[in-house]
Every structure is written in structure tokens, then in C-alpha cells.
Protein backbone atom coordinates (compact mmCIF):
# COMPACT_ATOMS: atom_id res chain seq x y z
CA UNK A 1 22.41 7.78 19.41
CA UNK A 2 21.57 8.44 15.95
CA UNK A 3 21.62 4.80 15.05
CA UNK A 4 19.53 4.08 18.15
CA UNK A 5 17.06 7.01 17.42
CA UNK A 6 16.04 4.89 14.14
CA UNK A 7 14.98 1.88 16.33
CA UNK A 8 12.22 4.25 17.71
CA UNK A 9 10.20 3.88 14.86
CA UNK A 10 10.53 0.12 14.61
CA UNK A 11 9.48 -0.03 18.43
CA UNK A 12 6.15 1.55 17.54
CA UNK A 13 5.43 -0.56 14.14
CA UNK A 14 3.18 -3.54 14.28
CA UNK A 15 5.95 -6.15 13.37
CA UNK A 16 8.39 -5.02 15.94
CA UNK A 17 10.82 -7.66 14.46
CA UNK A 18 14.50 -7.29 12.86
CA UNK A 19 16.97 -9.79 11.68
CA UNK A 20 20.05 -7.86 13.08
CA UNK A 21 20.67 -10.63 15.34
CA UNK A 22 19.57 -13.75 13.38
CA UNK A 23 21.85 -16.63 14.55
CA UNK A 24 23.48 -15.10 17.54
CA UNK A 25 23.12 -16.70 21.13
CA UNK A 26 22.37 -14.64 24.08
CA UNK A 27 22.37 -15.75 27.48
CA UNK A 28 21.12 -13.40 30.19
CA UNK A 29 23.09 -14.38 33.40
CA UNK A 30 21.48 -12.71 36.32
CA UNK A 31 23.31 -13.45 39.60
CA UNK A 32 21.28 -10.74 41.07
CA UNK A 33 17.38 -9.89 41.04
CA UNK A 34 16.34 -7.71 38.11
CA UNK A 35 13.12 -6.72 36.43
CA UNK A 36 13.40 -3.94 34.22
CA UNK A 37 17.07 -4.57 33.09
CA UNK A 38 16.34 -8.34 32.44
CA UNK A 39 13.12 -7.78 30.68
CA UNK A 40 14.58 -4.86 28.49
CA UNK A 41 17.45 -7.27 27.32
CA UNK A 42 15.14 -10.11 26.85
CA UNK A 43 12.68 -8.24 24.88
CA UNK A 44 15.33 -6.41 23.06
CA UNK A 45 17.30 -9.42 21.81
CA UNK A 46 14.09 -11.18 20.66
CA UNK A 47 12.91 -8.36 18.79
CA UNK A 48 16.16 -8.45 17.05
CA UNK A 49 16.14 -12.26 16.28
CA UNK A 50 18.57 -13.49 18.74
CA UNK A 51 18.27 -16.58 20.44
CA UNK A 52 17.79 -15.93 23.93
CA UNK A 53 18.18 -18.06 27.02
CA UNK A 54 17.76 -17.07 30.46
CA UNK A 55 20.10 -17.90 33.40
CA UNK A 56 18.96 -17.67 36.89
CA UNK A 57 21.54 -18.09 39.69
CA UNK A 58 18.71 -19.20 42.05
CA UNK A 59 18.30 -22.88 41.50
CA UNK A 60 21.77 -23.28 39.70
CA UNK A 61 24.92 -25.15 40.56
CA UNK A 62 25.76 -21.68 42.27
CA UNK A 63 23.59 -22.44 45.26
CA UNK A 64 26.04 -25.44 45.53
CA UNK A 65 29.28 -23.49 45.56
CA UNK A 66 30.18 -23.45 41.93
CA UNK A 67 32.45 -20.35 41.40
CA UNK A 68 31.45 -17.42 38.74
CA UNK A 69 34.25 -18.76 36.47
CA UNK A 70 33.13 -22.09 36.35
CA UNK A 71 29.45 -21.37 35.88
CA UNK A 72 30.21 -18.93 33.07
CA UNK A 73 32.53 -21.22 31.27
CA UNK A 74 29.90 -24.06 31.57
CA UNK A 75 27.56 -21.82 29.70
CA UNK A 76 30.05 -20.55 27.25
CA UNK A 77 30.71 -24.48 26.33
CA UNK A 78 27.36 -24.31 24.85
CA UNK A 79 28.28 -21.99 22.07
CA UNK A 80 27.13 -18.81 23.53
CA UNK A 81 27.85 -15.47 21.63
CA UNK A 82 26.82 -12.80 23.89
CA UNK A 83 26.56 -13.15 27.68
CA UNK A 84 24.69 -10.38 29.45
CA UNK A 85 25.56 -10.33 33.16
CA UNK A 86 24.46 -8.58 36.15
CA UNK A 87 26.41 -9.59 39.46
CA UNK A 88 26.41 -8.08 42.86
CA UNK A 89 30.28 -8.01 42.80
CA UNK A 90 31.97 -4.62 41.82
CA UNK A 91 34.16 -5.58 38.72
CA UNK A 92 32.90 -9.31 37.89
CA UNK A 93 32.74 -8.54 34.00
CA UNK A 94 36.31 -7.06 33.76
CA UNK A 95 37.23 -10.29 35.88
CA UNK A 96 35.65 -12.35 33.07
CA UNK A 97 36.82 -10.39 30.10
CA UNK A 98 40.09 -11.83 29.81
CA UNK A 99 39.16 -15.53 30.78
CA UNK A 100 36.26 -16.35 28.45
CA UNK A 101 35.90 -15.87 24.53
CA UNK A 102 32.42 -14.54 24.27
CA UNK A 103 31.43 -11.01 24.30
CA UNK A 104 30.21 -9.33 27.60
CA UNK A 105 27.72 -6.84 28.18
CA UNK A 106 27.81 -5.27 31.75
CA UNK A 107 23.89 -5.32 32.90
CA UNK A 108 25.02 -3.88 36.41
CA UNK A 109 27.90 -4.84 38.71
CA UNK A 110 27.73 -4.22 42.28
CA UNK A 111 28.29 -0.53 43.21
CA UNK A 112 30.48 0.13 40.21
CA UNK A 113 28.99 0.64 36.89
CA UNK A 114 25.31 0.14 35.09
CA UNK A 115 26.70 1.33 31.65
CA UNK A 116 23.69 0.61 29.43
CA UNK A 117 21.51 2.46 31.87
CA UNK A 118 23.83 5.40 31.40
CA UNK A 119 23.44 5.23 27.81
CA UNK A 120 19.75 5.12 28.04
CA UNK A 121 19.43 8.41 30.42
CA UNK A 122 22.19 10.34 28.36
CA UNK A 123 19.95 9.29 25.18
CA UNK A 124 16.67 10.32 26.77
CA UNK A 125 18.54 13.96 27.42
CA UNK A 126 20.05 13.90 23.76
CA UNK A 127 16.39 13.46 22.43
CA UNK A 128 14.72 16.23 24.78
CA UNK A 129 17.61 18.89 25.02
CA UNK A 130 19.27 21.11 22.28
CA UNK A 131 22.50 20.10 23.25
CA UNK A 132 24.40 18.03 26.24
CA UNK A 133 27.35 20.53 26.05
CA UNK A 134 26.68 22.58 29.43
CA UNK A 135 23.56 21.18 30.22
CA UNK A 136 23.58 21.03 34.03
CA UNK A 137 22.37 17.74 35.48
CA UNK A 138 21.93 17.11 38.96
CA UNK A 139 21.95 13.42 40.56
CA UNK A 140 19.90 13.41 43.59
CA UNK A 141 19.68 10.65 46.25
CA UNK A 142 21.50 7.71 47.13
CA UNK A 143 24.66 8.39 45.09
CA UNK A 144 26.64 5.94 47.53
CA UNK A 145 24.98 2.83 46.37
CA UNK A 146 24.06 3.83 43.03
CA UNK A 147 25.83 2.19 39.83
CA UNK A 148 23.45 4.10 37.67
CA UNK A 149 25.11 7.50 39.01
CA UNK A 150 28.57 6.22 38.30
CA UNK A 151 27.81 5.65 34.79
CA UNK A 152 25.85 8.73 34.34
CA UNK A 153 28.70 10.97 35.73
CA UNK A 154 30.95 9.29 33.29
CA UNK A 155 28.97 9.67 30.25
CA UNK A 156 27.56 13.09 31.08
CA UNK A 157 30.61 14.63 31.51
CA UNK A 158 32.09 13.05 28.32
CA UNK A 159 29.46 14.41 26.27
CA UNK A 160 30.04 18.08 28.12
CA UNK A 161 27.35 18.26 30.65
CA UNK A 162 27.99 19.87 34.17
CA UNK A 163 27.37 17.22 36.58
CA UNK A 164 26.32 17.75 40.28
CA UNK A 165 25.13 15.29 42.96
CA UNK A 166 22.85 15.95 46.30
CA UNK A 167 21.92 13.77 49.12
CA UNK A 168 22.13 13.09 52.85
CA UNK A 169 26.02 13.27 53.54
CA UNK A 170 25.92 9.48 54.54
CA UNK A 171 24.58 8.65 51.01
CA UNK A 172 27.34 10.66 49.06
CA UNK A 173 30.68 9.10 48.43
CA UNK A 174 33.80 10.59 50.30
CA UNK A 175 35.69 12.40 47.74
CA UNK A 176 33.23 12.45 45.05
CA UNK A 177 34.44 15.76 43.62
CA UNK A 178 37.48 14.07 42.20
CA UNK A 179 35.09 12.89 39.47
CA UNK A 180 34.79 16.30 38.33
CA UNK A 181 31.26 16.99 39.95
CA UNK A 182 29.80 19.55 42.17
CA UNK A 183 28.35 18.73 45.32
CA UNK A 184 25.29 20.53 46.93
CA UNK A 185 24.03 19.84 50.57
CA UNK A 186 20.67 21.50 50.22
CA UNK A 187 18.14 20.42 47.73
CA UNK A 188 16.57 23.82 46.85
CA UNK A 189 20.11 25.05 45.81
CA UNK A 190 20.72 21.97 43.60
CA UNK A 191 17.18 22.68 42.11
CA UNK A 192 17.87 26.34 41.34
CA UNK A 193 21.12 25.47 39.78
CA UNK A 194 19.89 22.26 37.69
CA UNK A 195 18.37 22.32 34.25
CA UNK A 196 17.79 18.52 34.93
CA UNK A 197 17.43 16.45 37.94
CA UNK A 198 18.01 12.62 37.86
CA UNK A 199 16.46 11.20 41.01
CA UNK A 200 17.73 7.99 42.63
CA UNK A 201 15.94 5.62 44.92
CA UNK A 202 17.16 4.52 48.20
CA UNK A 203 18.96 0.95 47.96
CA UNK A 204 17.76 -0.17 51.41
CA UNK A 205 18.96 -3.63 50.32
CA UNK A 206 22.37 -2.70 50.15
CA UNK A 207 22.25 -0.83 53.60
CA UNK A 208 23.84 -2.50 56.34
CA UNK A 209 23.74 0.42 58.95
CA UNK A 210 21.49 3.21 59.63
CA UNK A 211 22.78 5.82 56.66
CA UNK A 212 19.75 8.09 56.81
CA UNK A 213 19.46 10.57 59.62
């Protein structure tokens, strides 16, 4: 976080160009649609002087049935250093980790994790709160389908925050208390308890059933 904070002045400067990643080849491999995450990685890598190539599953051989591993090995054969990947299947980055030589950054995998978003949310709290230790954070909304919620729970608890969730019963994972979080069933009670509220959107694209009463 201390290192990340030093980039803030750079982002506000007129030049906005550093050579930290000079000569590093970065491929943005997005097998799932994205706006904010894809453009954030694209702009950040270019501002750090990386060579950036964007891969979109639509229009590639994936549409012909090419497997994830074959697709990524073909990309890696073009001497890629870093693969930033978003994939609809949970665990896809772990599957590739022991099968390719390039570094992998997880930009979101299924319902599992979104670690860079978790780091960004925690960094925002780090900048605005005196301490994360003992800070009460309530994650509200569609926790069931949220990879962001899972990453936030992990990093916030690691940094000493107290974490709770609140939402309709159908949108809260069964047994979530095992992750060390508190569960609220009423929003007003959650608001009274919390120092910070993290609000999630309803992920309609992942719902195959009527989960909202």
C-alpha cells in the first residue's frame, strides 16, 4: 500500500509515463466481458511502458472449440511475460499456474476471486481510515455471486477488520459464517453496526433462477 500510494502523484502528473515495465510483454486475456477491469489493466500497463496486447475470446479460435490450455499456450509461444486473465470458470488461473511459464494475474475467475479489486478496495480504506484493525465493514447485496466479496473478506480479515454481510437470504452463501464473518438479515441493523458499507450490484447475468423475493 505504501508503494501504491507513491503512484498517486504520478497519476495526477502531466506526463503519466514511467519505465517500470519497459520491455515486459503483457497480454490481457479476457474470456469474459469487462469494461473497468480490462481498461484499468490496459491503461496501467501502458503507463508503466509495457508492451500490451489485448485478446478477446469472441472472434478467436475459442469459438471453434479450442481449449483454454491450448489457447493460452499459443499466446505464450509468442514470448509473453505476463498474462492478465479473466475467465468465467472458478479456478482457471490455478489450473494454468502449473502448466505455463508466464506469470498470471487473476482479473476475476467465476464466482471465486477478484484479488486486484480486493486490494483496491482495501487500499481505498487504508487511505481514508486511521486504521483497518477493528474497522467494521459490511458487504451488502449479491454476495452469493460476488468474487469481489470473497476477495474483500479475505484481505480485510487479514488486515484486522471485522467483516459482516447483509442481503436477501437467497443471495448469501450457505455457511458463510465459516469465513469468519457476521451475518445481518436486516439492513438497518447492518448500518447501525458498520463503519463502512461496501455495496455490491445484483449480478443478473449469473442468475438462472428467481433468487429475489
